[in-house]
Amino acid sequence: ESIVYKHWDKMWFHDINFSKQLQISPYQYKMIRGIDFYNYCFN
């Protein structure tokens, strides 16, 4: 968790003639950058 670069509670889905915002709580969509992961682990 300490190296999660960014997280989102809202996600969009798009198709032709259709869009929907997804409220995903209690989930969070998270992103970890590779270099942050490597540095954290090797340290």
All heavy atoms as atom14 arrays in JSON, in Angstrom:
{
  "sequence": "ESIVYKHWDKMWFHDINFSKQLQISPYQYKMIRGIDFYNYCFN",
  "atom14_mask": [
    [1, 1, 1, 1, 1, 1, 1, 1, 1, 0, 0, 0, 0, 0],
    [1, 1, 1, 1, 1, 1, 0, 0, 0, 0, 0, 0, 0, 0],
    [1, 1, 1, 1, 1, 1, 1, 1, 0, 0, 0, 0, 0, 0],
    [1, 1, 1, 1, 1, 1, 1, 0, 0, 0, 0, 0, 0, 0],
    [1, 1, 1, 1, 1, 1, 1, 1, 1, 1, 1, 1, 0, 0],
    [1, 1, 1, 1, 1, 1, 1, 1, 1, 0, 0, 0, 0, 0],
    [1, 1, 1, 1, 1, 1, 1, 1, 1, 1, 0, 0, 0, 0],
    [1, 1, 1, 1, 1, 1, 1, 1, 1, 1, 1, 1, 1, 1],
    [1, 1, 1, 1, 1, 1, 1, 1, 0, 0, 0, 0, 0, 0],
    [1, 1, 1, 1, 1, 1, 1, 1, 1, 0, 0, 0, 0, 0],
    [1, 1, 1, 1, 1, 1, 1, 1, 0, 0, 0, 0, 0, 0],
    [1, 1, 1, 1, 1, 1, 1, 1, 1, 1, 1, 1, 1, 1],
    [1, 1, 1, 1, 1, 1, 1, 1, 1, 1, 1, 0, 0, 0],
    [1, 1, 1, 1, 1, 1, 1, 1, 1, 1, 0, 0, 0, 0],
    [1, 1, 1, 1, 1, 1, 1, 1, 0, 0, 0, 0, 0, 0],
    [1, 1, 1, 1, 1, 1, 1, 1, 0, 0, 0, 0, 0, 0],
    [1, 1, 1, 1, 1, 1, 1, 1, 0, 0, 0, 0, 0, 0],
    [1, 1, 1, 1, 1, 1, 1, 1, 1, 1, 1, 0, 0, 0],
    [1, 1, 1, 1, 1, 1, 0, 0, 0, 0, 0, 0, 0, 0],
    [1, 1, 1, 1, 1, 1, 1, 1, 1, 0, 0, 0, 0, 0],
    [1, 1, 1, 1, 1, 1, 1, 1, 1, 0, 0, 0, 0, 0],
    [1, 1, 1, 1, 1, 1, 1, 1, 0, 0, 0, 0, 0, 0],
    [1, 1, 1, 1, 1, 1, 1, 1, 1, 0, 0, 0, 0, 0],
    [1, 1, 1, 1, 1, 1, 1, 1, 0, 0, 0, 0, 0, 0],
    [1, 1, 1, 1, 1, 1, 0, 0, 0, 0, 0, 0, 0, 0],
    [1, 1, 1, 1, 1, 1, 1, 0, 0, 0, 0, 0, 0, 0],
    [1, 1, 1, 1, 1, 1, 1, 1, 1, 1, 1, 1, 0, 0],
    [1, 1, 1, 1, 1, 1, 1, 1, 1, 0, 0, 0, 0, 0],
    [1, 1, 1, 1, 1, 1, 1, 1, 1, 1, 1, 1, 0, 0],
    [1, 1, 1, 1, 1, 1, 1, 1, 1, 0, 0, 0, 0, 0],
    [1, 1, 1, 1, 1, 1, 1, 1, 0, 0, 0, 0, 0, 0],
    [1, 1, 1, 1, 1, 1, 1, 1, 0, 0, 0, 0, 0, 0],
    [1, 1, 1, 1, 1, 1, 1, 1, 1, 1, 1, 0, 0, 0],
    [1, 1, 1, 1, 0, 0, 0, 0, 0, 0, 0, 0, 0, 0],
    [1, 1, 1, 1, 1, 1, 1, 1, 0, 0, 0, 0, 0, 0],
    [1, 1, 1, 1, 1, 1, 1, 1, 0, 0, 0, 0, 0, 0],
    [1, 1, 1, 1, 1, 1, 1, 1, 1, 1, 1, 0, 0, 0],
    [1, 1, 1, 1, 1, 1, 1, 1, 1, 1, 1, 1, 0, 0],
    [1, 1, 1, 1, 1, 1, 1, 1, 0, 0, 0, 0, 0, 0],
    [1, 1, 1, 1, 1, 1, 1, 1, 1, 1, 1, 1, 0, 0],
    [1, 1, 1, 1, 1, 1, 0, 0, 0, 0, 0, 0, 0, 0],
    [1, 1, 1, 1, 1, 1, 1, 1, 1, 1, 1, 0, 0, 0],
    [1, 1, 1, 1, 1, 1, 1, 1, 0, 0, 0, 0, 0, 0]
  ],
  "atom14_positions": [
    [[0.82, -1.21, 0.0], [0.0, 0.0, 0.0], [0.86, 1.27, 0.0], [0.49, 2.28, -0.62], [-0.93, 0.0, 1.21], [-1.85, 1.21, 1.3], [-2.82, 1.33, 0.13], [-3.13, 0.3, -0.5], [-3.27, 2.46, -0.15], [0.0, 0.0, 0.0], [0.0, 0.0, 0.0], [0.0, 0.0, 0.0], [0.0, 0.0, 0.0], [0.0, 0.0, 0.0]],
    [[2.0, 1.25, 0.67], [2.81, 2.46, 0.8], [3.38, 2.94, -0.53], [3.81, 4.1, -0.65], [3.96, 2.23, 1.79], [4.86, 1.24, 1.32], [0.0, 0.0, 0.0], [0.0, 0.0, 0.0], [0.0, 0.0, 0.0], [0.0, 0.0, 0.0], [0.0, 0.0, 0.0], [0.0, 0.0, 0.0], [0.0, 0.0, 0.0], [0.0, 0.0, 0.0]],
    [[3.4, 2.07, -1.55], [3.94, 2.49, -2.85], [2.86, 2.6, -3.92], [3.17, 2.71, -5.11], [5.08, 1.56, -3.32], [4.64, 0.09, -3.32], [6.32, 1.77, -2.48], [5.62, -0.82, -4.02], [0.0, 0.0, 0.0], [0.0, 0.0, 0.0], [0.0, 0.0, 0.0], [0.0, 0.0, 0.0], [0.0, 0.0, 0.0], [0.0, 0.0, 0.0]],
    [[1.58, 2.56, -3.51], [0.51, 2.81, -4.47], [0.65, 4.25, -4.96], [0.65, 5.2, -4.18], [-0.87, 2.58, -3.84], [-1.98, 3.11, -4.75], [-1.08, 1.09, -3.57], [0.0, 0.0, 0.0], [0.0, 0.0, 0.0], [0.0, 0.0, 0.0], [0.0, 0.0, 0.0], [0.0, 0.0, 0.0], [0.0, 0.0, 0.0], [0.0, 0.0, 0.0]],
    [[0.8, 4.41, -6.25], [1.06, 5.72, -6.84], [-0.2, 6.57, -6.94], [-0.17, 7.78, -6.75], [1.67, 5.52, -8.23], [2.15, 6.79, -8.9], [3.29, 7.44, -8.45], [1.46, 7.32, -9.99], [3.74, 8.6, -9.06], [1.91, 8.48, -10.62], [3.04, 9.12, -10.14], [3.49, 10.27, -10.76], [0.0, 0.0, 0.0], [0.0, 0.0, 0.0]],
    [[-1.32, 5.89, -7.21], [-2.59, 6.59, -7.36], [-3.71, 5.57, -7.23], [-3.56, 4.42, -7.59], [-2.64, 7.28, -8.74], [-3.93, 8.01, -9.07], [-4.13, 9.26, -8.24], [-5.4, 9.99, -8.67], [-5.71, 11.13, -7.78], [0.0, 0.0, 0.0], [0.0, 0.0, 0.0], [0.0, 0.0, 0.0], [0.0, 0.0, 0.0], [0.0, 0.0, 0.0]],
    [[-4.85, 6.03, -6.71], [-6.02, 5.15, -6.67], [-7.27, 5.94, -7.08], [-7.3, 7.17, -6.99], [-6.21, 4.51, -5.29], [-6.5, 5.49, -4.18], [-7.75, 6.04, -3.99], [-5.71, 6.01, -3.22], [-7.72, 6.84, -2.95], [-6.49, 6.87, -2.47], [0.0, 0.0, 0.0], [0.0, 0.0, 0.0], [0.0, 0.0, 0.0], [0.0, 0.0, 0.0]],
    [[-8.27, 5.19, -7.54], [-9.51, 5.8, -8.02], [-10.71, 5.03, -7.46], [-10.66, 3.8, -7.31], [-9.58, 5.76, -9.54], [-8.47, 6.5, -10.23], [-8.46, 7.8, -10.63], [-7.18, 5.97, -10.6], [-7.26, 8.12, -11.22], [-6.46, 7.02, -11.21], [-6.58, 4.72, -10.46], [-5.16, 6.84, -11.69], [-5.29, 4.55, -10.93], [-4.59, 5.59, -11.54]],
    [[-11.78, 5.76, -7.18], [-13.04, 5.15, -6.72], [-14.08, 5.11, -7.84], [-15.11, 4.45, -7.7], [-13.62, 5.94, -5.55], [-12.65, 6.04, -4.39], [-12.11, 4.99, -3.99], [-12.41, 7.15, -3.9], [0.0, 0.0, 0.0], [0.0, 0.0, 0.0], [0.0, 0.0, 0.0], [0.0, 0.0, 0.0], [0.0, 0.0, 0.0], [0.0, 0.0, 0.0]],
    [[-13.81, 5.85, -8.92], [-14.75, 5.93, -10.03], [-14.04, 5.53, -11.32], [-12.94, 5.99, -11.59], [-15.29, 7.36, -10.16], [-16.01, 7.87, -8.92], [-16.35, 9.35, -9.06], [-16.97, 9.89, -7.77], [-17.23, 11.35, -7.86], [0.0, 0.0, 0.0], [0.0, 0.0, 0.0], [0.0, 0.0, 0.0], [0.0, 0.0, 0.0], [0.0, 0.0, 0.0]],
    [[-14.72, 4.68, -12.09], [-14.16, 4.18, -13.34], [-15.17, 4.37, -14.47], [-16.37, 4.12, -14.28], [-13.83, 2.69, -13.23], [-12.94, 2.31, -12.05], [-11.27, 2.9, -12.21], [-10.7, 1.95, -13.61], [0.0, 0.0, 0.0], [0.0, 0.0, 0.0], [0.0, 0.0, 0.0], [0.0, 0.0, 0.0], [0.0, 0.0, 0.0], [0.0, 0.0, 0.0]],
    [[-14.69, 4.79, -15.62], [-15.56, 4.92, -16.78], [-15.42, 3.71, -17.71], [-14.34, 3.14, -17.86], [-15.21, 6.18, -17.56], [-15.79, 7.43, -16.98], [-15.16, 8.32, -16.15], [-17.11, 7.92, -17.17], [-16.01, 9.34, -15.81], [-17.21, 9.12, -16.42], [-18.22, 7.48, -17.88], [-18.39, 9.87, -16.38], [-19.38, 8.22, -17.84], [-19.47, 9.41, -17.1]],
    [[-16.54, 3.36, -18.31], [-16.56, 2.36, -19.38], [-17.22, 3.02, -20.58], [-18.28, 3.64, -20.45], [-17.37, 1.12, -18.97], [-17.45, 0.07, -20.05], [-16.52, -0.95, -20.12], [-18.47, 0.1, -21.01], [-16.59, -1.91, -21.12], [-18.55, -0.85, -22.01], [-17.6, -1.87, -22.07], [0.0, 0.0, 0.0], [0.0, 0.0, 0.0], [0.0, 0.0, 0.0]],
    [[-16.59, 2.89, -21.76], [-17.13, 3.49, -22.97], [-17.25, 2.45, -24.08], [-16.36, 1.61, -24.28], [-16.23, 4.62, -23.48], [-16.07, 5.76, -22.53], [-17.08, 6.64, -22.22], [-14.98, 6.18, -21.83], [-16.64, 7.55, -21.37], [-15.37, 7.29, -21.11], [0.0, 0.0, 0.0], [0.0, 0.0, 0.0], [0.0, 0.0, 0.0], [0.0, 0.0, 0.0]],
    [[-18.34, 2.54, -24.81], [-18.51, 1.82, -26.07], [-19.24, 2.77, -27.01], [-19.69, 3.85, -26.61], [-19.3, 0.52, -25.87], [-19.2, -0.42, -27.07], [-18.51, -0.08, -28.04], [-19.82, -1.5, -27.04], [0.0, 0.0, 0.0], [0.0, 0.0, 0.0], [0.0, 0.0, 0.0], [0.0, 0.0, 0.0], [0.0, 0.0, 0.0], [0.0, 0.0, 0.0]],
    [[-19.38, 2.39, -28.24], [-20.1, 3.24, -29.2], [-21.54, 3.41, -28.72], [-22.24, 2.43, -28.45], [-20.07, 2.6, -30.61], [-18.63, 2.46, -31.08], [-20.88, 3.45, -31.6], [-18.46, 1.64, -32.35], [0.0, 0.0, 0.0], [0.0, 0.0, 0.0], [0.0, 0.0, 0.0], [0.0, 0.0, 0.0], [0.0, 0.0, 0.0], [0.0, 0.0, 0.0]],
    [[-21.96, 4.63, -28.54], [-23.33, 4.98, -28.1], [-23.64, 4.53, -26.67], [-24.82, 4.44, -26.29], [-24.39, 4.39, -29.05], [-24.21, 4.88, -30.48], [-23.93, 6.06, -30.7], [-24.37, 3.98, -31.44], [0.0, 0.0, 0.0], [0.0, 0.0, 0.0], [0.0, 0.0, 0.0], [0.0, 0.0, 0.0], [0.0, 0.0, 0.0], [0.0, 0.0, 0.0]],
    [[-22.62, 4.23, -25.88], [-22.87, 3.84, -24.49], [-21.69, 4.2, -23.61], [-20.54, 3.87, -23.94], [-23.13, 2.34, -24.39], [-23.21, 1.84, -22.96], [-24.32, 2.11, -22.17], [-22.16, 1.12, -22.41], [-24.38, 1.66, -20.86], [-22.21, 0.67, -21.1], [-23.34, 0.94, -20.31], [0.0, 0.0, 0.0], [0.0, 0.0, 0.0], [0.0, 0.0, 0.0]],
    [[-21.98, 4.9, -22.53], [-20.95, 5.21, -21.53], [-21.57, 5.05, -20.15], [-22.76, 5.34, -19.95], [-20.41, 6.63, -21.7], [-19.63, 6.75, -22.85], [0.0, 0.0, 0.0], [0.0, 0.0, 0.0], [0.0, 0.0, 0.0], [0.0, 0.0, 0.0], [0.0, 0.0, 0.0], [0.0, 0.0, 0.0], [0.0, 0.0, 0.0], [0.0, 0.0, 0.0]],
    [[-20.76, 4.59, -19.21], [-21.26, 4.41, -17.85], [-20.12, 4.65, -16.86], [-19.02, 4.14, -17.03], [-21.81, 2.99, -17.67], [-22.44, 2.74, -16.31], [-23.03, 1.33, -16.23], [-23.69, 1.07, -14.88], [-24.28, -0.3, -14.82], [0.0, 0.0, 0.0], [0.0, 0.0, 0.0], [0.0, 0.0, 0.0], [0.0, 0.0, 0.0], [0.0, 0.0, 0.0]],
    [[-20.44, 5.45, -15.84], [-19.48, 5.63, -14.76], [-19.74, 4.58, -13.69], [-20.87, 4.42, -13.23], [-19.59, 7.03, -14.15], [-18.5, 7.31, -13.13], [-18.7, 8.63, -12.39], [-19.52, 8.71, -11.49], [-17.97, 9.65, -12.82], [0.0, 0.0, 0.0], [0.0, 0.0, 0.0], [0.0, 0.0, 0.0], [0.0, 0.0, 0.0], [0.0, 0.0, 0.0]],
    [[-18.7, 3.88, -13.31], [-18.82, 2.8, -12.34], [-18.35, 3.28, -10.97], [-17.19, 3.68, -10.81], [-17.97, 1.6, -12.77], [-18.16, 1.12, -14.22], [-17.2, -0.03, -14.51], [-19.59, 0.71, -14.48], [0.0, 0.0, 0.0], [0.0, 0.0, 0.0], [0.0, 0.0, 0.0], [0.0, 0.0, 0.0], [0.0, 0.0, 0.0], [0.0, 0.0, 0.0]],
    [[-19.24, 3.27, -10.01], [-18.89, 3.59, -8.62], [-18.5, 2.27, -7.97], [-19.37, 1.42, -7.71], [-20.09, 4.22, -7.91], [-20.69, 5.44, -8.6], [-19.92, 6.71, -8.31], [-19.07, 6.74, -7.44], [-20.22, 7.78, -9.04], [0.0, 0.0, 0.0], [0.0, 0.0, 0.0], [0.0, 0.0, 0.0], [0.0, 0.0, 0.0], [0.0, 0.0, 0.0]],
    [[-17.22, 2.08, -7.7], [-16.75, 0.74, -7.33], [-16.55, 0.54, -5.82], [-16.14, -0.53, -5.4], [-15.45, 0.39, -8.07], [-14.31, 1.33, -7.64], [-15.66, 0.43, -9.57], [-12.96, 0.91, -8.19], [0.0, 0.0, 0.0], [0.0, 0.0, 0.0], [0.0, 0.0, 0.0], [0.0, 0.0, 0.0], [0.0, 0.0, 0.0], [0.0, 0.0, 0.0]],
    [[-16.85, 1.55, -5.01], [-16.72, 1.41, -3.56], [-17.49, 0.17, -3.07], [-18.58, -0.11, -3.58], [-17.27, 2.67, -2.87], [-17.2, 2.54, -1.48], [0.0, 0.0, 0.0], [0.0, 0.0, 0.0], [0.0, 0.0, 0.0], [0.0, 0.0, 0.0], [0.0, 0.0, 0.0], [0.0, 0.0, 0.0], [0.0, 0.0, 0.0], [0.0, 0.0, 0.0]],
    [[-16.94, -0.61, -2.14], [-15.77, -0.36, -1.27], [-14.42, -0.69, -1.91], [-13.41, -0.62, -1.24], [-16.04, -1.28, -0.08], [-16.73, -2.46, -0.68], [-17.62, -1.89, -1.76], [0.0, 0.0, 0.0], [0.0, 0.0, 0.0], [0.0, 0.0, 0.0], [0.0, 0.0, 0.0], [0.0, 0.0, 0.0], [0.0, 0.0, 0.0], [0.0, 0.0, 0.0]],
    [[-14.42, -1.05, -3.19], [-13.16, -1.29, -3.88], [-12.49, 0.03, -4.22], [-13.14, 1.07, -4.37], [-13.39, -2.06, -5.18], [-13.73, -3.52, -5.01], [-15.06, -3.94, -4.95], [-12.73, -4.47, -4.92], [-15.37, -5.28, -4.8], [-13.04, -5.82, -4.77], [-14.36, -6.22, -4.71], [-14.67, -7.55, -4.56], [0.0, 0.0, 0.0], [0.0, 0.0, 0.0]],
    [[-11.19, -0.03, -4.38], [-10.43, 1.05, -4.97], [-9.58, 0.46, -6.1], [-9.04, -0.64, -5.95], [-9.51, 1.73, -3.95], [-10.22, 2.61, -2.95], [-9.23, 3.37, -2.08], [-8.14, 2.88, -1.77], [-9.59, 4.58, -1.68], [0.0, 0.0, 0.0], [0.0, 0.0, 0.0], [0.0, 0.0, 0.0], [0.0, 0.0, 0.0], [0.0, 0.0, 0.0]],
    [[-9.53, 1.18, -7.2], [-8.68, 0.77, -8.3], [-7.33, 1.44, -8.1], [-7.25, 2.66, -7.96], [-9.3, 1.2, -9.64], [-8.69, 0.52, -10.84], [-9.09, -0.76, -11.2], [-7.74, 1.15, -11.64], [-8.55, -1.4, -12.31], [-7.2, 0.53, -12.74], [-7.6, -0.75, -13.07], [-7.06, -1.38, -14.16], [0.0, 0.0, 0.0], [0.0, 0.0, 0.0]],
    [[-6.26, 0.65, -8.05], [-4.95, 1.16, -7.66], [-3.9, 0.9, -8.72], [-4.02, -0.03, -9.51], [-4.51, 0.51, -6.34], [-5.48, 0.75, -5.18], [-5.01, 0.09, -3.89], [-5.97, 0.39, -2.75], [-5.51, -0.21, -1.47], [0.0, 0.0, 0.0], [0.0, 0.0, 0.0], [0.0, 0.0, 0.0], [0.0, 0.0, 0.0], [0.0, 0.0, 0.0]],
    [[-2.88, 1.74, -8.68], [-1.78, 1.59, -9.63], [-0.44, 1.68, -8.89], [-0.25, 2.55, -8.05], [-1.82, 2.67, -10.71], [-0.86, 2.4, -11.86], [-0.7, 3.8, -12.98], [0.59, 4.71, -12.15], [0.0, 0.0, 0.0], [0.0, 0.0, 0.0], [0.0, 0.0, 0.0], [0.0, 0.0, 0.0], [0.0, 0.0, 0.0], [0.0, 0.0, 0.0]],
    [[0.46, 0.75, -9.21], [1.82, 0.77, -8.69], [2.78, 0.86, -9.88], [2.67, 0.09, -10.84], [2.13, -0.49, -7.86], [1.32, -0.47, -6.56], [3.62, -0.58, -7.55], [1.52, -1.7, -5.7], [0.0, 0.0, 0.0], [0.0, 0.0, 0.0], [0.0, 0.0, 0.0], [0.0, 0.0, 0.0], [0.0, 0.0, 0.0], [0.0, 0.0, 0.0]],
    [[3.7, 1.8, -9.82], [4.69, 1.94, -10.88], [5.81, 0.91, -10.67], [6.23, 0.65, -9.54], [5.29, 3.33, -10.89], [4.29, 4.44, -11.1], [4.99, 5.76, -11.41], [6.13, 6.0, -10.53], [7.17, 6.77, -10.84], [7.22, 7.36, -12.02], [8.16, 6.95, -9.98], [0.0, 0.0, 0.0], [0.0, 0.0, 0.0], [0.0, 0.0, 0.0]],
    [[6.31, 0.36, -11.78], [7.34, -0.65, -11.69], [8.57, -0.2, -10.92], [9.07, -0.92, -10.06], [0.0, 0.0, 0.0], [0.0, 0.0, 0.0], [0.0, 0.0, 0.0], [0.0, 0.0, 0.0], [0.0, 0.0, 0.0], [0.0, 0.0, 0.0], [0.0, 0.0, 0.0], [0.0, 0.0, 0.0], [0.0, 0.0, 0.0], [0.0, 0.0, 0.0]],
    [[9.07, 1.0, -11.2], [10.3, 1.45, -10.55], [10.11, 1.63, -9.06], [11.03, 1.35, -8.26], [10.82, 2.76, -11.2], [12.25, 3.06, -10.74], [9.87, 3.92, -10.95], [13.27, 2.03, -11.14], [0.0, 0.0, 0.0], [0.0, 0.0, 0.0], [0.0, 0.0, 0.0], [0.0, 0.0, 0.0], [0.0, 0.0, 0.0], [0.0, 0.0, 0.0]],
    [[8.93, 2.07, -8.64], [8.66, 2.21, -7.2], [8.64, 0.84, -6.52], [9.13, 0.68, -5.4], [7.32, 2.92, -6.98], [7.32, 4.35, -7.48], [8.42, 4.93, -7.6], [6.24, 4.88, -7.77], [0.0, 0.0, 0.0], [0.0, 0.0, 0.0], [0.0, 0.0, 0.0], [0.0, 0.0, 0.0], [0.0, 0.0, 0.0], [0.0, 0.0, 0.0]],
    [[8.06, -0.13, -7.21], [8.0, -1.5, -6.7], [9.4, -2.08, -6.55], [9.75, -2.64, -5.5], [7.15, -2.35, -7.63], [6.97, -3.79, -7.21], [6.04, -4.13, -6.25], [7.74, -4.78, -7.78], [5.87, -5.46, -5.86], [7.59, -6.11, -7.41], [6.65, -6.44, -6.45], [0.0, 0.0, 0.0], [0.0, 0.0, 0.0], [0.0, 0.0, 0.0]],
    [[10.21, -1.94, -7.6], [11.56, -2.5, -7.56], [12.39, -1.84, -6.45], [13.07, -2.52, -5.68], [12.27, -2.29, -8.9], [11.56, -2.9, -10.08], [11.5, -2.23, -11.31], [10.95, -4.14, -10.0], [10.85, -2.78, -12.4], [10.31, -4.71, -11.09], [10.25, -4.01, -12.29], [9.61, -4.56, -13.37], [0.0, 0.0, 0.0], [0.0, 0.0, 0.0]],
    [[12.35, -0.51, -6.39], [13.14, 0.2, -5.38], [12.71, -0.18, -3.96], [13.55, -0.41, -3.08], [13.01, 1.71, -5.57], [13.75, 2.21, -6.8], [14.63, 1.53, -7.33], [13.37, 3.38, -7.28], [0.0, 0.0, 0.0], [0.0, 0.0, 0.0], [0.0, 0.0, 0.0], [0.0, 0.0, 0.0], [0.0, 0.0, 0.0], [0.0, 0.0, 0.0]],
    [[11.42, -0.25, -3.74], [10.9, -0.61, -2.42], [11.38, -2.01, -2.02], [11.87, -2.21, -0.9], [9.37, -0.56, -2.45], [8.69, -1.05, -1.19], [8.56, -0.21, -0.09], [8.18, -2.34, -1.11], [7.93, -0.66, 1.07], [7.57, -2.8, 0.04], [7.44, -1.95, 1.13], [6.82, -2.4, 2.28], [0.0, 0.0, 0.0], [0.0, 0.0, 0.0]],
    [[11.23, -2.96, -2.93], [11.61, -4.34, -2.62], [13.11, -4.49, -2.39], [13.55, -5.1, -1.41], [11.15, -5.28, -3.73], [9.34, -5.43, -3.88], [0.0, 0.0, 0.0], [0.0, 0.0, 0.0], [0.0, 0.0, 0.0], [0.0, 0.0, 0.0], [0.0, 0.0, 0.0], [0.0, 0.0, 0.0], [0.0, 0.0, 0.0], [0.0, 0.0, 0.0]],
    [[13.91, -3.93, -3.3], [15.35, -4.12, -3.18], [15.93, -3.37, -1.98], [16.92, -3.82, -1.39], [16.06, -3.72, -4.47], [16.08, -4.82, -5.49], [15.15, -4.87, -6.52], [17.02, -5.84, -5.42], [15.16, -5.89, -7.45], [17.04, -6.87, -6.34], [16.1, -6.9, -7.37], [0.0, 0.0, 0.0], [0.0, 0.0, 0.0], [0.0, 0.0, 0.0]],
    [[15.33, -2.26, -1.59], [15.79, -1.58, -0.38], [15.62, -2.47, 0.85], [16.47, -2.49, 1.74], [15.03, -0.27, -0.19], [15.49, 0.82, -1.14], [16.58, 0.75, -1.7], [14.66, 1.82, -1.34], [0.0, 0.0, 0.0], [0.0, 0.0, 0.0], [0.0, 0.0, 0.0], [0.0, 0.0, 0.0], [0.0, 0.0, 0.0], [0.0, 0.0, 0.0]]
  ]
}
